[in-house]
């Protein structure tokens, strides 16, 4: 449906003086325009947090070639890749001192259906930059607890060091203090998942924790679409009800107007008949007087 059609329908409501219905339609337009758009998963995190590896795992790219990885800043621009009806978006490692990076990141977050916030478990607790970023995400996303999945990456390496449990618990505490208690947090290892996928090792895939991300992401996608359809259905029913009510009110008003006109018409006809009867009687009286005078004149002659 083109934007012109949306505006035309809005004008039709105005032409019919359905002003309240037009307000509801205006509120519904953004939802209608966004329906059918791709589900977008945006990954945010610091340099070397493991974002690109996680994206390759989500795209089942065992060659790790779709999203380039490396110790240096490999991702310098926004990169997108569509896989199984989901658009995955990689962003450069953020730096709160770079205004251009901040602007790019916020614009990308605003377009996201879901944000995967990635933190490397080998780096310990969240840095100040990461805390600032989480607060920015909270301000941008309408429902951060439903639209953000916080991931503690490189869990195998942290587990080898014996620090995974402590780091993850602190990570969870920091995330929930900003985004809320119901925010989902997970620790995963994308490299283990890719190795398991490549070698068809289901135990390694499950051990990596990555299957939880995929499951939760698919549920979030269905929930997002379901909510949109439910809201769309609700608003459409509301508009239909309002228009039907207006139609009934208009029909009632028209019936009153018709009855009033009918009544006035009948009164007018009655008055006309009275006048005609009066004129008829006056005419016959005048004729009688004239005949009488003619007779009198004739008798005098």
Protein backbone atom coordinates (compact mmCIF):
# COMPACT_ATOMS: atom_id res chain seq x y z
CA UNK A 1 0.00 0.00 0.00
CA UNK A 2 1.51 3.33 -1.05
CA UNK A 3 1.84 6.31 1.28
CA UNK A 4 -0.56 8.23 -1.01
CA UNK A 5 -3.30 5.70 -0.27
CA UNK A 6 -2.76 6.11 3.48
CA UNK A 7 -3.14 9.89 3.12
CA UNK A 8 -6.12 9.52 0.79
CA UNK A 9 -7.93 7.40 3.36
CA UNK A 10 -7.13 10.01 6.00
CA UNK A 11 -8.61 12.73 3.76
CA UNK A 12 -11.71 10.59 3.20
CA UNK A 13 -12.28 10.47 6.96
CA UNK A 14 -11.98 14.28 7.08
CA UNK A 15 -14.35 14.73 4.14
CA UNK A 16 -16.95 12.62 5.93
CA UNK A 17 -16.30 14.63 9.12
CA UNK A 18 -15.16 11.44 10.88
CA UNK A 19 -12.56 13.34 12.86
CA UNK A 20 -12.17 10.92 15.80
CA UNK A 21 -11.87 8.00 13.39
CA UNK A 22 -9.24 9.93 11.43
CA UNK A 23 -7.18 10.33 14.63
CA UNK A 24 -7.26 6.57 15.20
CA UNK A 25 -6.28 6.00 11.57
CA UNK A 26 -3.33 8.40 11.93
CA UNK A 27 -2.14 6.48 15.00
CA UNK A 28 -2.47 3.22 13.09
CA UNK A 29 -0.57 4.36 9.98
CA UNK A 30 3.00 3.78 11.31
CA UNK A 31 2.10 0.21 12.24
CA UNK A 32 0.59 -0.42 8.81
CA UNK A 33 3.61 1.07 7.06
CA UNK A 34 6.03 -1.04 9.10
CA UNK A 35 4.12 -4.31 8.62
CA UNK A 36 5.88 -6.61 6.20
CA UNK A 37 9.30 -5.13 6.88
CA UNK A 38 12.22 -7.42 7.69
CA UNK A 39 12.94 -8.44 11.27
CA UNK A 40 16.26 -6.72 12.06
CA UNK A 41 18.76 -8.02 14.61
CA UNK A 42 21.48 -5.47 15.39
CA UNK A 43 24.64 -6.47 17.27
CA UNK A 44 26.27 -3.88 19.55
CA UNK A 45 29.49 -4.21 21.51
CA UNK A 46 33.04 -3.05 21.97
CA UNK A 47 35.94 -3.84 19.66
CA UNK A 48 36.93 -7.51 19.86
CA UNK A 49 33.84 -8.47 21.87
CA UNK A 50 33.07 -11.27 19.43
CA UNK A 51 30.17 -9.59 17.58
CA UNK A 52 31.13 -10.73 14.07
CA UNK A 53 31.74 -14.33 15.19
CA UNK A 54 28.32 -14.40 16.84
CA UNK A 55 26.73 -13.10 13.62
CA UNK A 56 28.52 -15.74 11.54
CA UNK A 57 27.18 -18.36 13.95
CA UNK A 58 23.63 -17.01 13.64
CA UNK A 59 24.00 -17.23 9.85
CA UNK A 60 25.43 -20.77 10.15
CA UNK A 61 28.56 -19.60 8.32
CA UNK A 62 31.17 -22.15 9.41
CA UNK A 63 33.71 -20.54 7.05
CA UNK A 64 33.30 -17.29 9.04
CA UNK A 65 33.43 -15.26 5.85
CA UNK A 66 30.18 -13.28 5.89
CA UNK A 67 31.18 -11.03 8.77
CA UNK A 68 34.94 -10.50 8.91
CA UNK A 69 36.65 -11.14 12.24
CA UNK A 70 39.98 -10.07 13.71
CA UNK A 71 41.76 -8.47 16.65
CA UNK A 72 41.81 -5.09 14.92
CA UNK A 73 38.77 -3.03 13.93
CA UNK A 74 37.69 -5.08 10.91
CA UNK A 75 34.10 -3.75 10.84
CA UNK A 76 34.41 -0.05 10.07
CA UNK A 77 30.98 0.45 8.47
CA UNK A 78 27.50 -0.93 9.07
CA UNK A 79 27.23 -4.37 7.43
CA UNK A 80 23.98 -6.25 6.77
CA UNK A 81 23.22 -9.83 5.76
CA UNK A 82 19.82 -11.49 5.37
CA UNK A 83 19.48 -15.09 6.54
CA UNK A 84 16.21 -17.02 6.96
CA UNK A 85 13.98 -13.91 6.84
CA UNK A 86 16.11 -12.08 9.40
CA UNK A 87 18.42 -9.17 8.58
CA UNK A 88 21.53 -9.32 10.77
CA UNK A 89 23.40 -6.05 11.21
CA UNK A 90 27.02 -5.72 12.34
CA UNK A 91 28.24 -2.41 13.72
CA UNK A 92 31.76 -1.09 14.39
CA UNK A 93 33.07 -1.49 17.93
CA UNK A 94 31.71 1.58 19.68
CA UNK A 95 33.69 4.32 21.34
CA UNK A 96 31.81 6.90 23.39
CA UNK A 97 34.43 9.52 22.48
CA UNK A 98 33.75 9.25 18.73
CA UNK A 99 30.67 11.34 17.92
CA UNK A 100 30.37 9.86 14.44
CA UNK A 101 30.35 6.30 15.82
CA UNK A 102 27.73 7.28 18.40
CA UNK A 103 25.48 8.82 15.72
CA UNK A 104 25.79 5.78 13.43
CA UNK A 105 25.12 3.38 16.29
CA UNK A 106 22.00 5.19 17.50
CA UNK A 107 20.56 5.38 13.99
CA UNK A 108 21.11 1.64 13.60
CA UNK A 109 19.62 0.82 17.01
CA UNK A 110 16.48 2.77 16.14
CA UNK A 111 15.88 0.48 13.15
CA UNK A 112 16.34 -2.70 15.22
CA UNK A 113 13.65 -5.22 16.08
CA UNK A 114 16.12 -6.80 18.49
CA UNK A 115 19.53 -5.72 19.82
CA UNK A 116 22.15 -8.27 20.81
CA UNK A 117 24.41 -6.51 23.30
CA UNK A 118 27.71 -8.42 23.30
CA UNK A 119 30.33 -8.30 26.06
CA UNK A 120 33.50 -10.38 26.12
CA UNK A 121 33.64 -12.46 29.30
CA UNK A 122 37.46 -12.39 29.21
CA UNK A 123 37.35 -8.63 29.86
CA UNK A 124 35.74 -8.93 33.28
CA UNK A 125 32.89 -6.59 34.22
CA UNK A 126 31.31 -3.99 31.92
CA UNK A 127 33.45 -0.93 31.15
CA UNK A 128 32.25 2.66 31.49
CA UNK A 129 31.79 2.82 27.69
CA UNK A 130 29.58 -0.26 27.81
CA UNK A 131 27.50 1.13 30.68
CA UNK A 132 27.00 4.38 28.76
CA UNK A 133 25.99 2.37 25.68
CA UNK A 134 23.44 0.32 27.63
CA UNK A 135 21.87 3.52 28.96
CA UNK A 136 21.69 4.91 25.41
CA UNK A 137 20.03 1.70 24.19
CA UNK A 138 17.52 1.93 27.05
CA UNK A 139 16.58 5.47 25.98
CA UNK A 140 16.12 4.47 22.32
CA UNK A 141 14.28 1.14 22.58
CA UNK A 142 10.60 1.34 23.56
CA UNK A 143 10.67 -1.97 25.48
CA UNK A 144 14.34 -2.72 26.29
CA UNK A 145 13.51 -5.79 28.40
CA UNK A 146 11.79 -7.35 25.36
CA UNK A 147 14.05 -5.91 22.65
CA UNK A 148 17.53 -6.45 24.10
CA UNK A 149 19.36 -9.75 24.62
CA UNK A 150 22.57 -9.30 26.63
CA UNK A 151 25.26 -11.84 25.71
CA UNK A 152 28.44 -12.67 27.59
CA UNK A 153 30.65 -14.05 24.80
CA UNK A 154 33.78 -16.23 24.69
CA UNK A 155 32.51 -18.30 27.60
CA UNK A 156 34.82 -21.26 26.90
CA UNK A 157 37.93 -19.10 27.32
CA UNK A 158 36.61 -17.54 30.54
CA UNK A 159 35.69 -20.98 31.85
CA UNK A 160 39.23 -22.20 31.22
CA UNK A 161 40.47 -19.30 33.32
CA UNK A 162 37.98 -20.19 36.05
CA UNK A 163 36.39 -16.72 35.94
CA UNK A 164 33.17 -17.36 33.97
CA UNK A 165 30.74 -17.64 36.89
CA UNK A 166 32.01 -14.52 38.67
CA UNK A 167 32.17 -12.47 35.46
CA UNK A 168 28.73 -13.59 34.27
CA UNK A 169 27.03 -12.88 37.61
CA UNK A 170 28.52 -9.37 37.67
CA UNK A 171 27.56 -8.87 34.00
CA UNK A 172 23.98 -9.93 34.72
CA UNK A 173 23.80 -7.62 37.74
CA UNK A 174 25.08 -4.62 35.74
CA UNK A 175 22.74 -5.25 32.79
CA UNK A 176 19.67 -5.68 34.99
CA UNK A 177 20.48 -2.54 36.98
CA UNK A 178 20.09 -0.54 33.75
CA UNK A 179 17.60 -2.44 31.58
CA UNK A 180 15.53 -4.11 34.31
CA UNK A 181 15.27 -7.42 36.16
CA UNK A 182 13.46 -9.25 33.34
CA UNK A 183 16.20 -8.62 30.77
CA UNK A 184 17.45 -11.91 29.35
CA UNK A 185 21.19 -12.53 29.74
CA UNK A 186 23.16 -15.51 28.44
CA UNK A 187 26.76 -16.66 28.23
CA UNK A 188 27.75 -18.34 24.97
CA UNK A 189 30.70 -19.37 22.86
CA UNK A 190 30.14 -18.80 19.15
CA UNK A 191 33.35 -20.56 18.13
CA UNK A 192 32.27 -23.75 19.90
CA UNK A 193 28.89 -23.52 18.19
CA UNK A 194 30.46 -23.09 14.73
CA UNK A 195 32.83 -26.01 15.36
CA UNK A 196 29.90 -28.14 16.49
CA UNK A 197 27.87 -27.10 13.45
CA UNK A 198 30.76 -27.87 11.09
CA UNK A 199 31.39 -31.32 12.63
CA UNK A 200 27.72 -32.08 13.33
CA UNK A 201 28.57 -32.28 17.02
CA UNK A 202 25.22 -31.61 18.69
CA UNK A 203 26.63 -31.85 22.20
CA UNK A 204 29.17 -29.11 21.48
CA UNK A 205 26.45 -26.99 19.86
CA UNK A 206 24.29 -27.34 22.96
CA UNK A 207 27.24 -26.80 25.31
CA UNK A 208 28.06 -23.53 23.51
CA UNK A 209 24.80 -22.03 24.80
CA UNK A 210 24.04 -20.77 21.32
CA UNK A 211 20.86 -22.79 20.81
CA UNK A 212 19.27 -20.69 23.57
CA UNK A 213 19.96 -17.52 21.57
CA UNK A 214 18.41 -18.98 18.43
CA UNK A 215 15.36 -20.25 20.33
CA UNK A 216 14.82 -16.98 22.19
CA UNK A 217 15.35 -14.91 19.04
CA UNK A 218 12.77 -16.92 17.10
CA UNK A 219 10.28 -16.55 19.95
CA UNK A 220 10.96 -12.80 20.09
CA UNK A 221 10.35 -12.58 16.35
CA UNK A 222 7.02 -14.41 16.63
CA UNK A 223 6.05 -12.27 19.62
CA UNK A 224 6.92 -9.10 17.73
CA UNK A 225 4.88 -10.11 14.68
CA UNK A 226 2.04 -11.43 16.84
CA UNK A 227 1.86 -8.19 18.81
CA UNK A 228 1.82 -6.13 15.62
CA UNK A 229 -0.96 -8.23 14.10
CA UNK A 230 -2.94 -8.18 17.35
CA UNK A 231 -2.63 -4.41 17.63
CA UNK A 232 -3.49 -4.00 13.96
CA UNK A 233 -6.59 -6.17 14.39
CA UNK A 234 -7.60 -4.28 17.54
CA UNK A 235 -7.23 -0.86 15.90
CA UNK A 236 -9.01 -1.99 12.73
CA UNK A 237 -11.95 -3.24 14.79
CA UNK A 238 -12.00 0.07 16.68
CA UNK A 239 -12.14 2.07 13.44
CA UNK A 240 -14.86 -0.23 12.06
CA UNK A 241 -16.88 0.19 15.25
CA UNK A 242 -16.48 3.97 15.20
CA UNK A 243 -17.45 4.20 11.53
CA UNK A 244 -20.45 1.88 12.08
CA UNK A 245 -21.53 3.97 15.07
CA UNK A 246 -21.20 7.14 13.00
CA UNK A 247 -23.16 5.49 10.21
CA UNK A 248 -25.97 4.54 12.59
CA UNK A 249 -25.99 8.03 14.08
CA UNK A 250 -26.11 9.52 10.58
CA UNK A 251 -28.93 7.19 9.54
CA UNK A 252 -30.84 8.15 12.69
CA UNK A 253 -30.30 11.85 11.96
CA UNK A 254 -31.43 11.36 8.35
CA UNK A 255 -34.57 9.58 9.53
CA UNK A 256 -35.31 12.49 11.87
CA UNK A 257 -34.74 15.00 9.05
CA UNK A 258 -36.94 12.95 6.71
CA UNK A 259 -39.69 12.71 9.34
CA UNK A 260 -39.46 16.46 9.95
CA UNK A 261 -39.67 17.21 6.22
CA UNK A 262 -42.56 14.75 5.86
CA UNK A 263 -44.36 16.40 8.75
CA UNK A 264 -43.79 19.88 7.33
CA UNK A 265 -44.91 18.69 3.91
CA UNK A 266 -48.11 17.20 5.32
CA UNK A 267 -48.78 20.41 7.28
CA UNK A 268 -48.15 22.47 4.15
CA UNK A 269 -50.53 20.29 2.10
CA UNK A 270 -53.15 20.60 4.83
CA UNK A 271 -52.76 24.38 4.90
CA UNK A 272 -52.94 24.55 1.11
CA UNK A 273 -56.14 22.49 1.12
CA UNK A 274 -57.61 24.81 3.75
CA UNK A 275 -56.71 27.82 1.61
CA UNK A 276 -58.13 26.13 -1.50
CA UNK A 277 -61.35 25.30 0.34
CA UNK A 278 -61.53 28.88 1.55
CA UNK A 279 -60.92 30.19 -1.97
CA UNK A 280 -63.47 27.74 -3.37
CA UNK A 281 -66.10 28.83 -0.85
CA UNK A 282 -65.27 32.48 -1.45
CA UNK A 283 -65.53 31.92 -5.19
CA UNK A 284 -68.94 30.26 -4.93
CA UNK A 285 -70.17 32.99 -2.60
CA UNK A 286 -68.95 35.62 -5.05
CA UNK A 287 -70.65 33.77 -7.89
CA UNK A 288 -73.90 33.56 -5.91
CA UNK A 289 -73.78 37.28 -5.18
CA UNK A 290 -73.10 38.02 -8.85
CA UNK A 291 -76.02 35.83 -9.99
CA UNK A 292 -78.27 37.46 -7.44
CA UNK A 293 -77.31 40.94 -8.65
CA UNK A 294 -77.87 39.97 -12.26
CA UNK A 295 -81.34 38.69 -11.35
CA UNK A 296 -82.08 41.93 -9.49
CA UNK A 297 -80.92 43.97 -12.47
CA UNK A 298 -83.03 41.86 -14.82
CA UNK A 299 -86.15 42.33 -12.69
CA UNK A 300 -85.65 46.09 -12.68
CA UNK A 301 -85.53 46.11 -16.45
